[in-house]
Protein backbone atom coordinates (compact mmCIF):
# COMPACT_ATOMS: atom_id res chain seq x y z
CA MET A 1 17.02 117.30 72.19
CA ALA A 2 16.34 113.97 70.75
CA ASP A 3 16.32 113.89 67.41
CA SER A 4 14.98 110.17 66.83
CA LEU A 5 11.46 109.33 65.65
CA HIS A 6 11.09 106.14 67.89
CA PRO A 7 12.96 106.50 70.74
CA PHE A 8 10.78 104.24 72.50
CA SER A 9 12.87 100.97 73.77
CA HIS A 10 10.26 99.92 76.51
CA SER A 11 7.80 97.63 76.29
CA PRO A 12 4.27 98.78 77.61
CA ALA A 13 4.40 96.79 79.94
CA GLU A 14 7.63 97.44 80.93
CA LEU A 15 6.63 101.34 80.97
CA ALA A 16 3.35 100.75 83.44
CA LEU A 17 5.65 99.36 85.76
CA ASP A 18 8.03 102.95 85.85
CA PRO A 19 5.91 105.98 84.68
CA GLU A 20 9.42 107.70 85.43
CA VAL A 21 10.90 105.93 82.17
CA LEU A 22 8.26 106.93 80.17
CA ALA A 23 7.67 110.18 81.39
CA SER A 24 11.34 111.06 80.74
CA GLU A 25 11.53 108.82 77.14
CA LEU A 26 8.19 111.34 76.22
CA ALA A 27 9.82 114.56 77.71
CA GLU A 28 12.40 114.18 75.49
CA GLU A 29 11.23 113.66 72.38
CA LEU A 30 8.58 115.85 72.61
CA LEU A 31 11.65 118.48 73.76
CA GLY A 32 12.45 118.31 69.61
CA ASP A 33 9.87 118.93 66.69
CA PRO A 34 11.47 117.53 63.66
CA LEU A 35 8.19 117.91 61.89
CA ASP A 36 8.39 121.40 61.91
CA ASP A 37 10.85 121.09 58.78
CA LEU A 38 8.21 118.64 57.01
CA ASP A 39 5.09 118.91 54.55
CA MET A 40 2.42 117.14 55.60
CA ASP A 41 1.54 117.69 51.71
CA ALA A 42 4.04 116.47 50.16
CA ALA A 43 4.92 112.76 49.27
CA GLN A 44 5.64 111.80 52.99
CA PRO A 45 4.11 108.22 52.55
CA ASP A 46 5.14 106.58 55.55
CA LEU A 47 3.95 109.45 57.59
CA ALA A 48 1.00 109.07 56.74
CA ALA A 49 0.88 105.48 56.73
CA GLU A 50 2.01 105.95 60.49
CA CYS A 51 -0.49 108.29 61.48
CA ASP A 52 -3.30 106.12 60.00
CA LEU A 53 -2.17 103.37 62.11
CA GLY A 54 -2.00 105.47 64.95
CA LEU A 55 -6.06 105.97 64.49
CA VAL A 56 -6.51 102.21 64.37
CA LEU A 57 -4.27 101.54 67.74
CA LEU A 58 -5.67 104.45 69.72
CA GLN A 59 -9.22 102.36 69.64
CA GLY A 60 -7.32 98.91 69.63
CA SER A 61 -5.98 97.49 73.44
CA SER A 62 -4.42 98.76 75.88
CA ASP A 63 -1.01 97.66 74.52
CA GLU A 64 -2.06 98.93 71.59
CA ARG A 65 -3.83 102.17 72.34
CA MET A 66 -0.12 103.12 74.45
CA GLN A 67 1.57 102.11 70.65
CA GLY A 68 -1.11 104.30 68.90
CA LEU A 69 -0.08 107.17 71.79
CA ARG A 70 3.74 107.22 70.94
CA ILE A 71 3.09 107.37 67.49
CA PHE A 72 0.57 110.93 68.55
CA CYS A 73 3.22 111.73 70.92
CA THR A 74 6.10 111.93 67.46
CA TYR A 75 3.50 113.05 64.43
CA ARG A 76 0.59 115.35 64.07
CA ASP A 77 -2.19 114.51 62.63
CA PRO A 78 -5.12 116.77 62.55
CA ARG A 79 -7.50 114.06 62.87
CA ALA A 80 -5.89 112.85 66.38
CA PRO A 81 -7.60 115.13 69.12
CA ASP A 82 -10.99 113.25 68.42
CA LYS A 83 -9.49 109.94 69.17
CA LEU A 84 -6.95 111.42 72.29
CA LEU A 85 -9.24 113.54 73.95
CA PRO A 86 -11.65 110.38 75.51
CA LEU A 87 -8.10 109.07 76.53
CA LEU A 88 -7.45 111.63 79.09
CA GLY A 89 -10.21 109.96 81.32
CA ALA A 90 -8.50 106.73 81.05
CA SER A 91 -8.18 104.88 84.51
CA CYS A 92 -4.32 104.36 84.07
CA PRO A 93 -2.19 107.19 84.05
CA ILE A 94 0.09 106.29 82.06
CA GLN A 95 -2.32 106.13 79.34
CA ARG A 96 -3.84 110.05 80.31
CA MET A 97 -0.20 111.07 80.64
CA SER A 98 0.77 110.45 76.91
CA ALA A 99 -2.84 111.88 76.16
CA VAL A 100 -1.93 114.82 77.24
CA TYR A 101 1.69 114.84 75.53
CA ALA A 102 -0.14 113.60 72.66
CA LEU A 103 -2.08 116.51 72.80
CA GLY A 104 0.63 119.05 73.54
CA ARG A 105 1.56 117.35 69.46
CA ASN A 106 -1.76 117.86 68.33
CA PRO A 107 -3.37 120.98 69.59
CA ALA A 108 -6.97 121.42 69.65
CA PRO A 109 -9.69 123.83 70.79
CA GLN A 110 -11.47 121.34 72.66
CA ALA A 111 -8.82 119.99 74.80
CA VAL A 112 -8.15 123.14 76.67
CA ALA A 113 -10.98 122.32 79.84
CA PRO A 114 -10.20 118.97 79.94
CA LEU A 115 -6.14 119.68 80.36
CA LEU A 116 -7.07 122.61 82.64
CA ALA A 117 -9.53 119.99 84.60
CA LEU A 118 -6.45 117.61 84.90
CA LEU A 119 -3.78 120.17 85.72
CA GLN A 120 -5.83 121.48 88.76
CA ASN A 121 -7.28 117.95 89.72
CA ASP A 122 -5.42 114.76 88.58
CA SER A 123 -3.46 113.28 91.32
CA ASN A 124 -0.84 112.04 89.46
CA GLY A 125 1.95 114.46 89.31
CA TYR A 126 2.94 112.49 86.24
CA VAL A 127 0.20 113.45 84.63
CA ARG A 128 -0.01 117.12 86.18
CA LYS A 129 3.66 117.44 84.57
CA ALA A 130 2.58 116.70 81.64
CA VAL A 131 -0.19 119.26 80.88
CA ALA A 132 1.84 121.87 82.64
CA TRP A 133 4.25 121.26 79.62
CA SER A 134 1.59 120.51 76.87
CA LEU A 135 -0.08 124.24 77.98
CA SER A 136 2.47 125.61 75.82
CA SER A 137 1.22 124.86 72.88
CA TYR A 138 -2.37 126.68 74.18
CA PRO A 139 -0.91 130.13 74.94
CA ASP A 140 -4.04 132.03 73.67
CA ALA A 141 -6.20 130.55 76.01
CA PRO A 142 -7.67 131.29 79.41
CA VAL A 143 -4.02 129.41 80.41
CA MET A 144 -2.45 131.73 82.81
CA THR A 145 -4.13 131.51 86.02
CA PRO A 146 -4.07 127.82 86.17
CA LEU A 147 -0.29 127.97 85.38
CA ILE A 148 0.50 130.63 87.98
CA ARG A 149 -1.50 128.69 90.78
CA ALA A 150 0.41 125.48 90.10
CA LEU A 151 4.18 127.10 89.79
CA GLN A 152 3.08 128.31 93.80
CA ASN A 153 1.60 125.56 95.26
CA ASP A 154 1.96 122.41 93.03
CA ILE A 155 5.31 119.93 93.28
CA ALA A 156 8.78 120.70 91.76
CA ALA A 157 8.33 118.81 88.10
CA VAL A 158 5.08 120.82 87.82
CA ARG A 159 6.00 124.06 88.82
CA LEU A 160 9.55 123.65 86.81
CA TRP A 161 7.36 123.41 83.72
CA ALA A 162 4.86 125.64 84.77
CA SER A 163 7.23 128.28 84.77
CA SER A 164 8.56 127.69 81.15
CA THR A 165 4.98 128.14 80.23
CA LEU A 166 4.15 131.13 81.20
CA ALA A 167 6.57 132.57 79.29
CA ASP A 168 4.69 131.09 76.20
CA ALA A 169 1.72 132.48 77.94
CA GLY A 170 2.96 135.54 78.57
CA SER A 171 3.98 136.23 75.28
CA THR A 172 0.78 137.33 73.62
CA GLY A 173 0.39 140.16 75.09
CA LEU A 174 1.73 142.87 77.35
CA ALA A 175 -1.04 142.79 80.09
CA LYS A 176 -0.25 138.84 79.99
CA ALA A 177 3.61 138.82 79.69
CA ASP A 178 3.96 141.46 83.09
CA GLN A 179 0.77 138.95 84.64
CA ALA A 180 3.40 135.96 83.96
CA ALA A 181 6.25 137.86 85.01
CA GLY A 182 4.56 139.11 88.30
CA GLN A 183 4.89 135.22 89.13
CA LEU A 184 8.10 134.55 88.07
CA LEU A 185 10.01 137.24 89.75
CA VAL A 186 8.21 135.52 93.29
CA SER A 187 9.53 132.01 92.33
CA LEU A 188 12.92 133.17 91.24
CA ARG A 189 13.05 134.75 94.84
CA ILE A 190 11.36 132.40 96.94
CA ASP A 191 11.20 128.75 95.45
CA SER A 192 13.18 126.04 97.23
CA GLU A 193 13.74 124.39 94.47
CA PRO A 194 16.96 125.17 92.34
CA VAL A 195 15.83 124.00 88.83
CA VAL A 196 12.37 125.83 89.42
CA ARG A 197 14.56 129.21 90.17
CA SER A 198 16.58 128.48 87.35
CA ASN A 199 13.42 127.81 84.81
CA SER A 200 12.00 131.08 86.15
CA ALA A 201 15.20 133.28 84.81
CA TRP A 202 15.06 131.75 81.97
CA SER A 203 11.09 132.30 81.39
CA LEU A 204 11.83 136.29 82.56
CA GLY A 205 14.97 136.49 80.11
CA ARG A 206 12.24 135.56 77.55
CA LEU A 207 9.61 137.56 78.43
CA TYR A 208 11.79 141.16 78.69
CA GLY A 209 11.14 141.80 75.59
CA ASP A 210 7.28 142.21 75.93
CA LEU A 211 7.24 143.95 79.80
CA VAL A 212 7.31 147.78 79.75
CA GLU A 213 10.19 149.52 80.98
CA PRO A 214 9.33 149.30 84.74
CA ARG A 215 9.03 145.91 84.32
CA GLN A 216 12.31 145.57 82.55
CA ARG A 217 14.19 147.33 85.45
CA GLU A 218 12.57 144.95 88.07
CA VAL A 219 13.36 141.61 86.11
CA GLU A 220 17.00 143.01 85.68
CA GLU A 221 17.77 143.83 89.40
CA ALA A 222 15.99 140.40 90.44
CA LEU A 223 17.92 138.58 87.89
CA VAL A 224 21.67 140.94 89.35
CA GLN A 225 20.49 139.91 92.59
CA ALA A 226 19.74 136.19 92.05
CA LEU A 227 23.33 136.23 90.34
CA LEU A 228 25.00 137.63 93.32
CA GLN A 229 23.56 135.86 95.86
CA ASP A 230 21.72 133.08 94.96
CA THR A 231 22.98 129.72 96.39
CA ASP A 232 22.61 127.43 94.08
CA PRO A 233 25.77 128.18 90.85
CA THR A 234 22.78 126.63 87.94
CA VAL A 235 20.71 129.30 89.03
CA ARG A 236 23.37 132.19 89.33
CA ASP A 237 24.35 130.63 85.58
CA GLU A 238 21.07 131.39 84.47
CA ALA A 239 20.36 134.46 85.70
CA ARG A 240 24.14 135.51 84.09
CA LEU A 241 22.91 133.99 80.67
CA ALA A 242 19.49 135.95 81.09
CA LEU A 243 21.08 138.63 81.71
CA GLU A 244 23.86 138.81 78.95
CA GLN A 245 21.06 138.05 76.48
CA LEU A 246 19.11 140.88 76.91
CA GLU A 247 22.24 142.83 74.87
CA ASP A 248 20.92 145.43 76.70
CA PRO A 249 24.22 148.42 76.77
CA GLU A 250 23.31 149.32 80.65
CA VAL A 251 23.38 146.26 81.73
CA LEU A 252 26.08 144.47 80.02
CA GLU A 253 28.13 147.72 81.47
CA ARG A 254 26.63 146.60 84.91
CA LEU A 255 28.27 143.31 84.47
CA HIS A 256 31.32 144.52 83.55
CA THR A 257 31.41 146.52 86.21
CA LEU A 258 30.91 143.79 88.49
CA VAL A 259 34.03 141.98 86.72
CA ASP A 260 36.04 144.54 87.63
CA GLU A 261 35.16 144.88 91.00
CA GLY A 262 35.95 141.17 91.82
CA LEU A 263 31.87 140.09 92.46
CA LEU A 264 32.15 138.29 89.27
CA SER A 265 34.36 136.21 87.80
């Protein structure tokens, strides 16, 4: 995970020519969250000044808006969402994508509806991928059905993040956990992309403690089957790790038996 607060090495003009570069850099930056350990009310003059600057830049030229968006993909400020929301309708997909990531960093209730609309309707895959990531900051919002639909039907990059965010959305209640696990079990079995199957296994492991016992047994069996039968080694490895991290004595004993029988190394 990236810890640098300023990882962007490309100019806005260069980024406009290569959305994958910006998507990658933003995603790397957003995976880590250095602000979790910072007190916004403590003496942070540089942070405050950076956010003040970002708010001004968001109202400037196209290049200035990109600079402001980068600031709020890194920093949190309660004043930011009102300035970010209009940029969800920008004609430039780079700006829409960056605004989406910034609203993942700076969540606000009024952002839920426009984010869900982008997930369903935006023609740009990078934007939809950003939404699937950012919705992890809105686990209590009505995101479950849109995420399941994305995991069923969208491109692989969106499905990948939808499978992760479903674990966050499912952790808010037993019914939601069961609904999320149901789709993740399907994706673990049938998704054509190994990265999506692997992430589905990881998310099932995260949800395990929030599931009722019959669904837990179903998850265990699905992970064992993925461990033994999936054709991709990364999926098998993720399934094994998920099983080991359940710390269930019966599951661990079953893994040891599989090793003893030569079915696992």
